[in-house]
Amino acid sequence: MGKASSKLSAEDIAELREKTQFSERELIEWHKGFMQDCGESGELRLDEFKRIYASFFPAGDATSFAEHVFRTFDHDNDGVIGFKEFIIGLSVTSRGQLEDKLKWAFKLYDLNDSGDITREELLEVVQSIYSMVGRQINLAGDESTPQKRAERIFEQMDANQDGRLSLAEFIEAARNDPSIVRLLQTDTTGTHHAMPGGAGAN
């Protein structure tokens, strides 16, 4: 806590070059923007995170989805996101390999961190996505409601039909069927260049 440094140290840059897909110049630029958003604390709180998401999705309500994403970035569960947490998470969602993105997406949907995803958890996140995007997109009939989309995803992924999605099922289904990755995508406006959006973005 307290006032964070306005500049990244050489040690910080070296660490983040190893842990992310960003160049030194990009890390410095992201840090500058992060500090402008956070102020002297150098930490991003949930209310500010929600405000940023709301600015990207003015036609909808991004509150719930922002809360879910915040949870996946707040690795130490202290209620704030530091720059390292933010940039490592952003690297995964924007530039990570498919499997890394899917692992992040699994964590997003696994609301209670139990190691599997229930229908209810999946539906809750999908509902938050629909609330966020508002009327910005037109959906096919079988995806016209959160319930339909969630059920379609679940049925395609639940290989052993036990009513729960394991990480292995989640990744295997997405690898084998590109349409599932599309269903999991949550970014509809290209904002993944600024904020985390979806498992299949980029």
N, C-alpha and C. Protein backbone atom coordinates (compact mmCIF):
# COMPACT_ATOMS: atom_id res chain seq x y z
N MET A 1 0.85 -1.18 0.00
CA MET A 1 0.00 0.00 0.00
C MET A 1 0.89 1.24 0.00
N GLY A 2 0.25 2.44 0.04
CA GLY A 2 1.00 3.66 0.01
C GLY A 2 1.30 4.11 -1.40
N LYS A 3 2.15 5.12 -1.50
CA LYS A 3 2.46 5.70 -2.80
C LYS A 3 3.37 4.79 -3.60
N ALA A 4 2.99 4.48 -4.82
CA ALA A 4 3.79 3.62 -5.68
C ALA A 4 4.75 4.45 -6.50
N SER A 5 5.83 3.81 -6.95
CA SER A 5 6.81 4.50 -7.77
C SER A 5 6.20 4.90 -9.10
N SER A 6 6.54 6.10 -9.56
CA SER A 6 5.99 6.58 -10.83
C SER A 6 6.71 5.97 -12.03
N LYS A 7 7.81 5.28 -11.77
CA LYS A 7 8.56 4.66 -12.86
C LYS A 7 8.88 3.21 -12.51
N LEU A 8 8.96 2.39 -13.54
CA LEU A 8 9.35 1.00 -13.35
C LEU A 8 10.86 0.92 -13.17
N SER A 9 11.31 0.09 -12.23
CA SER A 9 12.74 -0.11 -12.05
C SER A 9 13.25 -1.06 -13.12
N ALA A 10 14.55 -1.08 -13.27
CA ALA A 10 15.16 -2.00 -14.24
C ALA A 10 14.84 -3.44 -13.87
N GLU A 11 14.80 -3.71 -12.55
CA GLU A 11 14.47 -5.06 -12.09
C GLU A 11 13.03 -5.43 -12.44
N ASP A 12 12.12 -4.48 -12.26
CA ASP A 12 10.71 -4.71 -12.60
C ASP A 12 10.56 -5.00 -14.08
N ILE A 13 11.23 -4.22 -14.90
CA ILE A 13 11.13 -4.40 -16.35
C ILE A 13 11.68 -5.76 -16.75
N ALA A 14 12.80 -6.15 -16.17
CA ALA A 14 13.39 -7.45 -16.50
C ALA A 14 12.45 -8.58 -16.10
N GLU A 15 11.83 -8.47 -14.93
CA GLU A 15 10.88 -9.49 -14.47
C GLU A 15 9.68 -9.58 -15.39
N LEU A 16 9.15 -8.43 -15.77
CA LEU A 16 7.94 -8.42 -16.59
C LEU A 16 8.22 -8.79 -18.05
N ARG A 17 9.44 -8.57 -18.49
CA ARG A 17 9.80 -9.02 -19.84
C ARG A 17 9.78 -10.54 -19.89
N GLU A 18 10.14 -11.18 -18.77
CA GLU A 18 10.13 -12.64 -18.70
C GLU A 18 8.72 -13.19 -18.57
N LYS A 19 7.86 -12.47 -17.85
CA LYS A 19 6.54 -13.00 -17.51
C LYS A 19 5.44 -12.56 -18.48
N THR A 20 5.74 -11.63 -19.39
CA THR A 20 4.73 -11.15 -20.32
C THR A 20 5.25 -11.20 -21.75
N GLN A 21 4.36 -10.84 -22.68
CA GLN A 21 4.72 -10.77 -24.09
C GLN A 21 4.97 -9.34 -24.55
N PHE A 22 5.17 -8.44 -23.59
CA PHE A 22 5.35 -7.03 -23.92
C PHE A 22 6.83 -6.64 -23.96
N SER A 23 7.14 -5.69 -24.84
CA SER A 23 8.50 -5.17 -24.93
C SER A 23 8.73 -4.16 -23.80
N GLU A 24 9.97 -3.78 -23.60
CA GLU A 24 10.29 -2.78 -22.56
C GLU A 24 9.53 -1.48 -22.82
N ARG A 25 9.52 -1.04 -24.06
CA ARG A 25 8.82 0.21 -24.39
C ARG A 25 7.33 0.10 -24.08
N GLU A 26 6.73 -1.04 -24.43
CA GLU A 26 5.31 -1.23 -24.17
C GLU A 26 5.03 -1.27 -22.67
N LEU A 27 5.89 -1.91 -21.91
CA LEU A 27 5.70 -1.97 -20.46
C LEU A 27 5.74 -0.58 -19.85
N ILE A 28 6.65 0.24 -20.31
CA ILE A 28 6.77 1.60 -19.79
C ILE A 28 5.51 2.41 -20.13
N GLU A 29 5.02 2.25 -21.36
CA GLU A 29 3.82 2.97 -21.77
C GLU A 29 2.58 2.51 -21.00
N TRP A 30 2.44 1.19 -20.83
CA TRP A 30 1.31 0.66 -20.06
C TRP A 30 1.37 1.13 -18.61
N HIS A 31 2.58 1.16 -18.05
CA HIS A 31 2.74 1.60 -16.67
C HIS A 31 2.36 3.07 -16.52
N LYS A 32 2.74 3.86 -17.48
CA LYS A 32 2.40 5.29 -17.45
C LYS A 32 0.88 5.48 -17.45
N GLY A 33 0.19 4.76 -18.34
CA GLY A 33 -1.27 4.86 -18.39
C GLY A 33 -1.93 4.32 -17.14
N PHE A 34 -1.36 3.23 -16.61
CA PHE A 34 -1.90 2.61 -15.40
C PHE A 34 -1.82 3.59 -14.24
N MET A 35 -0.68 4.26 -14.10
CA MET A 35 -0.50 5.21 -13.00
C MET A 35 -1.41 6.42 -13.15
N GLN A 36 -1.69 6.81 -14.38
CA GLN A 36 -2.62 7.92 -14.60
C GLN A 36 -4.02 7.55 -14.13
N ASP A 37 -4.42 6.30 -14.36
CA ASP A 37 -5.74 5.83 -13.93
C ASP A 37 -5.81 5.64 -12.43
N CYS A 38 -4.71 5.20 -11.84
CA CYS A 38 -4.73 4.80 -10.42
C CYS A 38 -4.40 5.92 -9.45
N GLY A 39 -3.65 6.90 -9.92
CA GLY A 39 -3.21 7.95 -9.00
C GLY A 39 -2.02 7.50 -8.17
N GLU A 40 -1.83 8.16 -7.04
CA GLU A 40 -0.63 7.93 -6.23
C GLU A 40 -0.56 6.53 -5.64
N SER A 41 -1.70 5.89 -5.44
CA SER A 41 -1.69 4.57 -4.81
C SER A 41 -1.02 3.53 -5.69
N GLY A 42 -1.09 3.71 -7.01
CA GLY A 42 -0.51 2.74 -7.92
C GLY A 42 -1.26 1.43 -7.94
N GLU A 43 -2.49 1.45 -7.45
CA GLU A 43 -3.32 0.25 -7.39
C GLU A 43 -4.70 0.54 -7.95
N LEU A 44 -5.23 -0.41 -8.68
CA LEU A 44 -6.53 -0.25 -9.31
C LEU A 44 -7.58 -0.94 -8.44
N ARG A 45 -8.54 -0.15 -7.99
CA ARG A 45 -9.61 -0.69 -7.15
C ARG A 45 -10.80 -1.08 -8.01
N LEU A 46 -11.68 -1.87 -7.42
CA LEU A 46 -12.81 -2.40 -8.18
C LEU A 46 -13.68 -1.30 -8.76
N ASP A 47 -13.94 -0.25 -8.01
CA ASP A 47 -14.82 0.80 -8.54
C ASP A 47 -14.22 1.49 -9.75
N GLU A 48 -12.89 1.67 -9.74
CA GLU A 48 -12.22 2.27 -10.89
C GLU A 48 -12.21 1.30 -12.07
N PHE A 49 -12.02 0.03 -11.78
CA PHE A 49 -12.04 -1.00 -12.82
C PHE A 49 -13.40 -1.03 -13.50
N LYS A 50 -14.46 -0.93 -12.71
CA LYS A 50 -15.81 -0.90 -13.27
C LYS A 50 -16.01 0.34 -14.15
N ARG A 51 -15.47 1.47 -13.69
CA ARG A 51 -15.63 2.71 -14.46
C ARG A 51 -14.95 2.59 -15.83
N ILE A 52 -13.76 1.98 -15.86
CA ILE A 52 -13.04 1.81 -17.12
C ILE A 52 -13.84 0.91 -18.07
N TYR A 53 -14.35 -0.20 -17.54
CA TYR A 53 -15.16 -1.09 -18.38
C TYR A 53 -16.41 -0.38 -18.87
N ALA A 54 -17.04 0.41 -18.01
CA ALA A 54 -18.26 1.12 -18.39
C ALA A 54 -17.99 2.07 -19.55
N SER A 55 -16.78 2.65 -19.60
CA SER A 55 -16.46 3.57 -20.68
C SER A 55 -16.33 2.85 -22.01
N PHE A 56 -15.97 1.57 -21.98
CA PHE A 56 -15.86 0.79 -23.21
C PHE A 56 -17.20 0.26 -23.69
N PHE A 57 -18.14 0.10 -22.76
CA PHE A 57 -19.44 -0.48 -23.09
C PHE A 57 -20.57 0.42 -22.61
N PRO A 58 -20.65 1.63 -23.18
CA PRO A 58 -21.65 2.61 -22.72
C PRO A 58 -23.09 2.19 -22.98
N ALA A 59 -23.30 1.27 -23.92
CA ALA A 59 -24.67 0.86 -24.25
C ALA A 59 -25.21 -0.21 -23.32
N GLY A 60 -24.34 -0.76 -22.48
CA GLY A 60 -24.77 -1.84 -21.59
C GLY A 60 -24.33 -1.59 -20.17
N ASP A 61 -24.45 -2.61 -19.35
CA ASP A 61 -24.05 -2.55 -17.95
C ASP A 61 -22.90 -3.52 -17.74
N ALA A 62 -21.69 -2.99 -17.61
CA ALA A 62 -20.49 -3.82 -17.49
C ALA A 62 -20.15 -4.16 -16.05
N THR A 63 -20.97 -3.76 -15.10
CA THR A 63 -20.64 -3.90 -13.69
C THR A 63 -20.30 -5.33 -13.30
N SER A 64 -21.18 -6.26 -13.62
CA SER A 64 -20.99 -7.64 -13.20
C SER A 64 -19.79 -8.28 -13.88
N PHE A 65 -19.65 -8.07 -15.19
CA PHE A 65 -18.53 -8.68 -15.90
C PHE A 65 -17.21 -8.11 -15.40
N ALA A 66 -17.17 -6.81 -15.13
CA ALA A 66 -15.95 -6.20 -14.61
C ALA A 66 -15.56 -6.83 -13.28
N GLU A 67 -16.54 -7.15 -12.46
CA GLU A 67 -16.25 -7.81 -11.18
C GLU A 67 -15.62 -9.18 -11.39
N HIS A 68 -16.11 -9.91 -12.38
CA HIS A 68 -15.56 -11.23 -12.66
C HIS A 68 -14.12 -11.12 -13.16
N VAL A 69 -13.85 -10.18 -14.05
CA VAL A 69 -12.51 -10.02 -14.59
C VAL A 69 -11.56 -9.54 -13.48
N PHE A 70 -12.03 -8.62 -12.66
CA PHE A 70 -11.22 -8.12 -11.55
C PHE A 70 -10.75 -9.27 -10.67
N ARG A 71 -11.65 -10.19 -10.41
CA ARG A 71 -11.32 -11.34 -9.57
C ARG A 71 -10.17 -12.16 -10.16
N THR A 72 -10.15 -12.34 -11.49
CA THR A 72 -9.10 -13.14 -12.11
C THR A 72 -7.76 -12.43 -12.11
N PHE A 73 -7.78 -11.09 -12.07
CA PHE A 73 -6.53 -10.33 -12.08
C PHE A 73 -5.97 -10.13 -10.68
N ASP A 74 -6.83 -10.12 -9.68
CA ASP A 74 -6.41 -9.88 -8.30
C ASP A 74 -5.87 -11.19 -7.71
N HIS A 75 -4.65 -11.53 -8.10
CA HIS A 75 -4.10 -12.84 -7.76
C HIS A 75 -3.96 -13.07 -6.26
N ASP A 76 -3.62 -12.02 -5.51
CA ASP A 76 -3.43 -12.22 -4.07
C ASP A 76 -4.70 -11.92 -3.26
N ASN A 77 -5.79 -11.65 -3.96
CA ASN A 77 -7.10 -11.45 -3.32
C ASN A 77 -7.07 -10.37 -2.24
N ASP A 78 -6.34 -9.28 -2.52
CA ASP A 78 -6.29 -8.20 -1.53
C ASP A 78 -7.23 -7.05 -1.87
N GLY A 79 -8.05 -7.22 -2.91
CA GLY A 79 -9.04 -6.21 -3.24
C GLY A 79 -8.54 -5.10 -4.14
N VAL A 80 -7.29 -5.17 -4.55
CA VAL A 80 -6.73 -4.18 -5.48
C VAL A 80 -5.87 -4.91 -6.51
N ILE A 81 -5.68 -4.28 -7.66
CA ILE A 81 -4.82 -4.83 -8.70
C ILE A 81 -3.61 -3.93 -8.85
N GLY A 82 -2.44 -4.47 -8.58
CA GLY A 82 -1.21 -3.73 -8.81
C GLY A 82 -0.82 -3.81 -10.27
N PHE A 83 0.18 -3.03 -10.66
CA PHE A 83 0.56 -3.02 -12.07
C PHE A 83 1.03 -4.38 -12.55
N LYS A 84 1.81 -5.08 -11.73
CA LYS A 84 2.31 -6.38 -12.16
C LYS A 84 1.16 -7.36 -12.40
N GLU A 85 0.19 -7.37 -11.50
CA GLU A 85 -0.97 -8.24 -11.68
C GLU A 85 -1.70 -7.88 -12.96
N PHE A 86 -1.86 -6.57 -13.18
CA PHE A 86 -2.59 -6.09 -14.35
C PHE A 86 -1.90 -6.48 -15.65
N ILE A 87 -0.62 -6.21 -15.75
CA ILE A 87 0.07 -6.41 -17.02
C ILE A 87 0.28 -7.88 -17.32
N ILE A 88 0.48 -8.70 -16.30
CA ILE A 88 0.60 -10.14 -16.52
C ILE A 88 -0.72 -10.71 -17.01
N GLY A 89 -1.82 -10.27 -16.39
CA GLY A 89 -3.13 -10.73 -16.84
C GLY A 89 -3.45 -10.25 -18.24
N LEU A 90 -3.11 -9.01 -18.52
CA LEU A 90 -3.37 -8.45 -19.84
C LEU A 90 -2.57 -9.17 -20.91
N SER A 91 -1.35 -9.55 -20.58
CA SER A 91 -0.52 -10.27 -21.54
C SER A 91 -1.16 -11.60 -21.92
N VAL A 92 -1.71 -12.29 -20.93
CA VAL A 92 -2.36 -13.57 -21.20
C VAL A 92 -3.58 -13.37 -22.09
N THR A 93 -4.44 -12.41 -21.73
CA THR A 93 -5.70 -12.26 -22.46
C THR A 93 -5.53 -11.65 -23.84
N SER A 94 -4.48 -10.87 -24.05
CA SER A 94 -4.33 -10.21 -25.34
C SER A 94 -3.29 -10.86 -26.25
N ARG A 95 -2.27 -11.51 -25.66
CA ARG A 95 -1.19 -12.04 -26.48
C ARG A 95 -0.80 -13.48 -26.14
N GLY A 96 -1.47 -14.07 -25.19
CA GLY A 96 -1.13 -15.42 -24.79
C GLY A 96 -1.51 -16.45 -25.83
N GLN A 97 -0.94 -17.65 -25.69
CA GLN A 97 -1.33 -18.77 -26.53
C GLN A 97 -2.76 -19.18 -26.20
N LEU A 98 -3.40 -19.89 -27.12
CA LEU A 98 -4.80 -20.28 -26.92
C LEU A 98 -5.00 -20.98 -25.57
N GLU A 99 -4.11 -21.92 -25.24
CA GLU A 99 -4.31 -22.66 -23.99
C GLU A 99 -4.22 -21.74 -22.78
N ASP A 100 -3.32 -20.76 -22.81
CA ASP A 100 -3.21 -19.80 -21.71
C ASP A 100 -4.48 -18.96 -21.59
N LYS A 101 -5.02 -18.55 -22.73
CA LYS A 101 -6.26 -17.78 -22.71
C LYS A 101 -7.41 -18.61 -22.18
N LEU A 102 -7.42 -19.88 -22.54
CA LEU A 102 -8.50 -20.75 -22.08
C LEU A 102 -8.39 -21.02 -20.58
N LYS A 103 -7.18 -21.13 -20.07
CA LYS A 103 -7.01 -21.30 -18.63
C LYS A 103 -7.51 -20.07 -17.90
N TRP A 104 -7.22 -18.90 -18.47
CA TRP A 104 -7.73 -17.66 -17.87
C TRP A 104 -9.26 -17.63 -17.93
N ALA A 105 -9.82 -18.01 -19.06
CA ALA A 105 -11.27 -18.01 -19.21
C ALA A 105 -11.91 -19.00 -18.23
N PHE A 106 -11.26 -20.15 -18.04
CA PHE A 106 -11.78 -21.13 -17.09
C PHE A 106 -11.86 -20.52 -15.69
N LYS A 107 -10.83 -19.81 -15.31
CA LYS A 107 -10.82 -19.15 -14.00
C LYS A 107 -11.93 -18.11 -13.91
N LEU A 108 -12.18 -17.44 -15.01
CA LEU A 108 -13.25 -16.44 -15.05
C LEU A 108 -14.61 -17.07 -14.76
N TYR A 109 -14.86 -18.22 -15.36
CA TYR A 109 -16.15 -18.90 -15.22
C TYR A 109 -16.26 -19.71 -13.92
N ASP A 110 -15.12 -20.11 -13.37
CA ASP A 110 -15.12 -20.89 -12.12
C ASP A 110 -15.23 -19.92 -10.95
N LEU A 111 -16.44 -19.49 -10.68
CA LEU A 111 -16.67 -18.38 -9.75
C LEU A 111 -16.21 -18.67 -8.32
N ASN A 112 -16.35 -19.90 -7.87
CA ASN A 112 -15.97 -20.21 -6.50
C ASN A 112 -14.60 -20.88 -6.40
N ASP A 113 -13.87 -20.89 -7.51
CA ASP A 113 -12.51 -21.43 -7.55
C ASP A 113 -12.45 -22.88 -7.06
N SER A 114 -13.46 -23.65 -7.47
CA SER A 114 -13.56 -25.04 -7.02
C SER A 114 -12.81 -26.01 -7.93
N GLY A 115 -12.37 -25.53 -9.09
CA GLY A 115 -11.68 -26.42 -10.02
C GLY A 115 -12.58 -26.99 -11.09
N ASP A 116 -13.87 -26.65 -11.04
CA ASP A 116 -14.78 -27.02 -12.13
C ASP A 116 -15.85 -25.94 -12.28
N ILE A 117 -16.58 -26.01 -13.38
CA ILE A 117 -17.59 -24.99 -13.70
C ILE A 117 -18.95 -25.66 -13.76
N THR A 118 -19.90 -25.11 -13.05
CA THR A 118 -21.27 -25.61 -13.09
C THR A 118 -22.07 -24.83 -14.11
N ARG A 119 -23.24 -25.37 -14.46
CA ARG A 119 -24.14 -24.66 -15.37
C ARG A 119 -24.48 -23.27 -14.82
N GLU A 120 -24.70 -23.21 -13.52
CA GLU A 120 -25.09 -21.94 -12.90
C GLU A 120 -23.98 -20.91 -13.00
N GLU A 121 -22.74 -21.36 -12.79
CA GLU A 121 -21.62 -20.44 -12.90
C GLU A 121 -21.46 -19.94 -14.33
N LEU A 122 -21.54 -20.86 -15.26
CA LEU A 122 -21.42 -20.49 -16.66
C LEU A 122 -22.49 -19.48 -17.05
N LEU A 123 -23.71 -19.75 -16.63
CA LEU A 123 -24.82 -18.86 -16.96
C LEU A 123 -24.63 -17.48 -16.34
N GLU A 124 -24.14 -17.43 -15.12
CA GLU A 124 -23.96 -16.13 -14.47
C GLU A 124 -23.00 -15.24 -15.24
N VAL A 125 -21.89 -15.83 -15.71
CA VAL A 125 -20.92 -15.04 -16.46
C VAL A 125 -21.47 -14.67 -17.83
N VAL A 126 -22.13 -15.60 -18.50
CA VAL A 126 -22.72 -15.30 -19.80
C VAL A 126 -23.77 -14.20 -19.68
N GLN A 127 -24.55 -14.23 -18.63
CA GLN A 127 -25.53 -13.16 -18.41
C GLN A 127 -24.84 -11.81 -18.24
N SER A 128 -23.71 -11.81 -17.56
CA SER A 128 -22.98 -10.55 -17.36
C SER A 128 -22.44 -10.03 -18.69
N ILE A 129 -22.10 -10.95 -19.60
CA ILE A 129 -21.62 -10.55 -20.92
C ILE A 129 -22.75 -9.91 -21.72
N TYR A 130 -23.90 -10.55 -21.71
CA TYR A 130 -25.05 -10.01 -22.43
C TYR A 130 -25.45 -8.64 -21.89
N SER A 131 -25.38 -8.48 -20.57
CA SER A 131 -25.70 -7.18 -19.98
C SER A 131 -24.70 -6.13 -20.41
N MET A 132 -23.44 -6.52 -20.54
CA MET A 132 -22.38 -5.59 -20.88
C MET A 132 -22.47 -5.11 -22.32
N VAL A 133 -22.70 -6.02 -23.26
CA VAL A 133 -22.67 -5.63 -24.67
C VAL A 133 -23.96 -4.95 -25.11
N GLY A 134 -25.01 -5.07 -24.30
CA GLY A 134 -26.26 -4.41 -24.65
C GLY A 134 -26.77 -4.85 -26.00
N ARG A 135 -27.07 -3.90 -26.85
CA ARG A 135 -27.59 -4.21 -28.18
C ARG A 135 -26.56 -3.96 -29.28
N GLN A 136 -25.29 -4.08 -28.92
CA GLN A 136 -24.23 -3.79 -29.88
C GLN A 136 -24.06 -4.89 -30.92
N ILE A 137 -24.58 -6.08 -30.63
CA ILE A 137 -24.39 -7.19 -31.56
C ILE A 137 -25.72 -7.87 -31.84
N ASN A 138 -25.78 -8.49 -33.02
CA ASN A 138 -26.94 -9.30 -33.38
C ASN A 138 -26.55 -10.77 -33.23
N LEU A 139 -27.38 -11.53 -32.53
CA LEU A 139 -27.06 -12.92 -32.26
C LEU A 139 -28.01 -13.86 -32.98
N ALA A 140 -27.48 -15.03 -33.34
CA ALA A 140 -28.31 -16.04 -33.98
C ALA A 140 -29.36 -16.54 -32.99
N GLY A 141 -30.37 -17.20 -33.54
CA GLY A 141 -31.48 -17.65 -32.71
C GLY A 141 -31.07 -18.53 -31.55
N ASP A 142 -30.07 -19.41 -31.79
CA ASP A 142 -29.66 -20.32 -30.72
C ASP A 142 -28.72 -19.65 -29.72
N GLU A 143 -28.44 -18.36 -29.91
CA GLU A 143 -27.63 -17.60 -28.96
C GLU A 143 -28.35 -16.34 -28.52
N SER A 144 -29.65 -16.27 -28.77
CA SER A 144 -30.40 -15.03 -28.56
C SER A 144 -30.61 -14.68 -27.10
N THR A 145 -30.41 -15.65 -26.20
CA THR A 145 -30.53 -15.38 -24.78
C THR A 145 -29.31 -15.96 -24.07
N PRO A 146 -28.98 -15.43 -22.89
CA PRO A 146 -27.86 -15.99 -22.13
C PRO A 146 -28.06 -17.47 -21.84
N GLN A 147 -29.29 -17.85 -21.55
CA GLN A 147 -29.59 -19.25 -21.23
C GLN A 147 -29.26 -20.17 -22.41
N LYS A 148 -29.65 -19.76 -23.61
CA LYS A 148 -29.39 -20.57 -24.80
C LYS A 148 -27.89 -20.69 -25.07
N ARG A 149 -27.19 -19.57 -24.94
CA ARG A 149 -25.76 -19.61 -25.23
C ARG A 149 -25.02 -20.45 -24.19
N ALA A 150 -25.35 -20.26 -22.92
CA ALA A 150 -24.70 -21.02 -21.86
C ALA A 150 -24.96 -22.51 -22.01
N GLU A 151 -26.19 -22.87 -22.33
CA GLU A 151 -26.53 -24.28 -22.49
C GLU A 151 -25.79 -24.90 -23.66
N ARG A 152 -25.68 -24.15 -24.74
CA ARG A 152 -24.97 -24.66 -25.92
C ARG A 152 -23.50 -24.90 -25.59
N ILE A 153 -22.87 -23.96 -24.90
CA ILE A 153 -21.47 -24.13 -24.51
C ILE A 153 -21.31 -25.35 -23.61
N PHE A 154 -22.20 -25.44 -22.62
CA PHE A 154 -22.08 -26.51 -21.63
C PHE A 154 -22.24 -27.88 -22.28
N GLU A 155 -23.23 -28.02 -23.13
CA GLU A 155 -23.48 -29.31 -23.78
C GLU A 155 -22.31 -29.73 -24.66
N GLN A 156 -21.67 -28.77 -25.31
CA GLN A 156 -20.55 -29.09 -26.18
C GLN A 156 -19.29 -29.44 -25.39
N MET A 157 -19.18 -28.94 -24.17
CA MET A 157 -17.96 -29.14 -23.39
C MET A 157 -18.03 -30.28 -22.39
N ASP A 158 -19.21 -30.59 -21.90
CA ASP A 158 -19.34 -31.59 -20.82
C ASP A 158 -19.25 -33.00 -21.39
N ALA A 159 -18.03 -33.42 -21.68
CA ALA A 159 -17.79 -34.69 -22.38
C ALA A 159 -18.32 -35.90 -21.60
N ASN A 160 -18.15 -35.92 -20.30
CA ASN A 160 -18.59 -37.08 -19.53
C ASN A 160 -20.00 -36.92 -18.94
N GLN A 161 -20.65 -35.80 -19.31
CA GLN A 161 -22.05 -35.58 -18.93
C GLN A 161 -22.28 -35.69 -17.41
N ASP A 162 -21.34 -35.14 -16.64
CA ASP A 162 -21.51 -35.20 -15.18
C ASP A 162 -22.05 -33.89 -14.60
N GLY A 163 -22.38 -32.95 -15.50
CA GLY A 163 -22.95 -31.70 -15.03
C GLY A 163 -21.93 -30.69 -14.54
N ARG A 164 -20.65 -30.98 -14.75
CA ARG A 164 -19.58 -30.06 -14.37
C ARG A 164 -18.51 -30.06 -15.45
N LEU A 165 -17.88 -28.92 -15.65
CA LEU A 165 -16.81 -28.82 -16.64
C LEU A 165 -15.48 -28.77 -15.92
N SER A 166 -14.62 -29.74 -16.22
CA SER A 166 -13.27 -29.71 -15.69
C SER A 166 -12.40 -28.85 -16.61
N LEU A 167 -11.23 -28.47 -16.12
CA LEU A 167 -10.31 -27.70 -16.95
C LEU A 167 -9.92 -28.49 -18.19
N ALA A 168 -9.70 -29.79 -18.03
CA ALA A 168 -9.33 -30.64 -19.16
C ALA A 168 -10.43 -30.66 -20.22
N GLU A 169 -11.68 -30.81 -19.80
CA GLU A 169 -12.80 -30.81 -20.73
C GLU A 169 -12.90 -29.47 -21.44
N PHE A 170 -12.73 -28.42 -20.67
CA PHE A 170 -12.83 -27.05 -21.18
C PHE A 170 -11.82 -26.81 -22.29
N ILE A 171 -10.57 -27.16 -22.02
CA ILE A 171 -9.50 -26.93 -23.00
C ILE A 171 -9.64 -27.87 -24.19
N GLU A 172 -9.92 -29.13 -23.95
CA GLU A 172 -10.02 -30.10 -25.03
C GLU A 172 -11.13 -29.74 -26.01
N ALA A 173 -12.29 -29.37 -25.47
CA ALA A 173 -13.42 -29.02 -26.34
C ALA A 173 -13.10 -27.79 -27.18
N ALA A 174 -12.47 -26.81 -26.58
CA ALA A 174 -12.15 -25.58 -27.32
C ALA A 174 -11.09 -25.83 -28.39
N ARG A 175 -10.14 -26.71 -28.10
CA ARG A 175 -9.12 -27.05 -29.10
C ARG A 175 -9.73 -27.75 -30.31
N ASN A 176 -10.68 -28.62 -30.04
CA ASN A 176 -11.25 -29.46 -31.10
C ASN A 176 -12.35 -28.79 -31.90
N ASP A 177 -12.93 -27.74 -31.35
CA ASP A 177 -14.07 -27.11 -32.02
C ASP A 177 -13.94 -25.59 -31.95
N PRO A 178 -13.44 -24.95 -33.02
CA PRO A 178 -13.28 -23.49 -33.03
C PRO A 178 -14.56 -22.73 -32.73
N SER A 179 -15.70 -23.34 -33.01
CA SER A 179 -16.96 -22.63 -32.75
C SER A 179 -17.17 -22.38 -31.26
N ILE A 180 -16.60 -23.26 -30.42
CA ILE A 180 -16.71 -23.06 -28.98
C ILE A 180 -15.90 -21.85 -28.55
N VAL A 181 -14.73 -21.67 -29.14
CA VAL A 181 -13.91 -20.50 -28.83
C VAL A 181 -14.70 -19.23 -29.17
N ARG A 182 -15.39 -19.26 -30.30
CA ARG A 182 -16.21 -18.10 -30.68
C ARG A 182 -17.30 -17.86 -29.65
N LEU A 183 -17.91 -18.93 -29.17
CA LEU A 183 -18.96 -18.79 -28.16
C LEU A 183 -18.41 -18.20 -26.86
N LEU A 184 -17.15 -18.53 -26.57
CA LEU A 184 -16.54 -18.05 -25.34
C LEU A 184 -16.05 -16.62 -25.44
N GLN A 185 -15.87 -16.13 -26.65
CA GLN A 185 -15.39 -14.77 -26.81
C GLN A 185 -16.36 -13.79 -26.18
N THR A 186 -15.81 -12.83 -25.46
CA THR A 186 -16.65 -11.84 -24.80
C THR A 186 -16.39 -10.44 -25.32
N ASP A 187 -15.33 -10.26 -26.10
CA ASP A 187 -15.04 -8.93 -26.60
C ASP A 187 -15.70 -8.75 -27.96
N THR A 188 -16.53 -7.74 -28.08
CA THR A 188 -17.26 -7.52 -29.33
C THR A 188 -16.93 -6.18 -29.96
N THR A 189 -16.02 -5.42 -29.36
CA THR A 189 -15.74 -4.09 -29.88
C THR A 189 -14.27 -3.83 -30.11
N GLY A 190 -13.42 -4.85 -29.93
CA GLY A 190 -11.99 -4.64 -30.12
C GLY A 190 -11.32 -4.02 -28.91
N THR A 191 -12.00 -3.92 -27.78
CA THR A 191 -11.42 -3.26 -26.62
C THR A 191 -10.37 -4.11 -25.94
N HIS A 192 -10.15 -5.35 -26.42
CA HIS A 192 -9.10 -6.17 -25.81
C HIS A 192 -7.74 -5.53 -25.99
N HIS A 193 -7.63 -4.53 -26.87
CA HIS A 193 -6.36 -3.83 -27.00
C HIS A 193 -6.09 -2.97 -25.77
N ALA A 194 -7.14 -2.68 -25.00
CA ALA A 194 -6.97 -1.86 -23.82
C ALA A 194 -7.30 -2.61 -22.54
N MET A 195 -8.28 -3.51 -22.60
CA MET A 195 -8.70 -4.24 -21.42
C MET A 195 -8.96 -5.69 -21.80
N PRO A 196 -8.85 -6.60 -20.82
CA PRO A 196 -9.12 -8.00 -21.11
C PRO A 196 -10.55 -8.20 -21.55
N GLY A 197 -10.72 -9.05 -22.60
CA GLY A 197 -12.08 -9.21 -23.09
C GLY A 197 -12.52 -10.64 -23.24
N GLY A 198 -11.75 -11.50 -23.87
CA GLY A 198 -12.28 -12.84 -24.12
C GLY A 198 -11.21 -13.88 -24.33
N ALA A 199 -11.60 -15.11 -24.18
CA ALA A 199 -10.65 -16.21 -24.29
C ALA A 199 -10.06 -16.32 -25.67
N GLY A 200 -10.81 -15.96 -26.67
CA GLY A 200 -10.33 -16.16 -28.03
C GLY A 200 -9.88 -14.89 -28.71
N ALA A 201 -9.82 -13.79 -28.00
CA ALA A 201 -9.45 -12.53 -28.62
C ALA A 201 -8.02 -12.58 -29.12
N ASN A 202 -7.79 -11.97 -30.30
CA ASN A 202 -6.47 -11.98 -30.93
C ASN A 202 -5.98 -13.38 -31.19
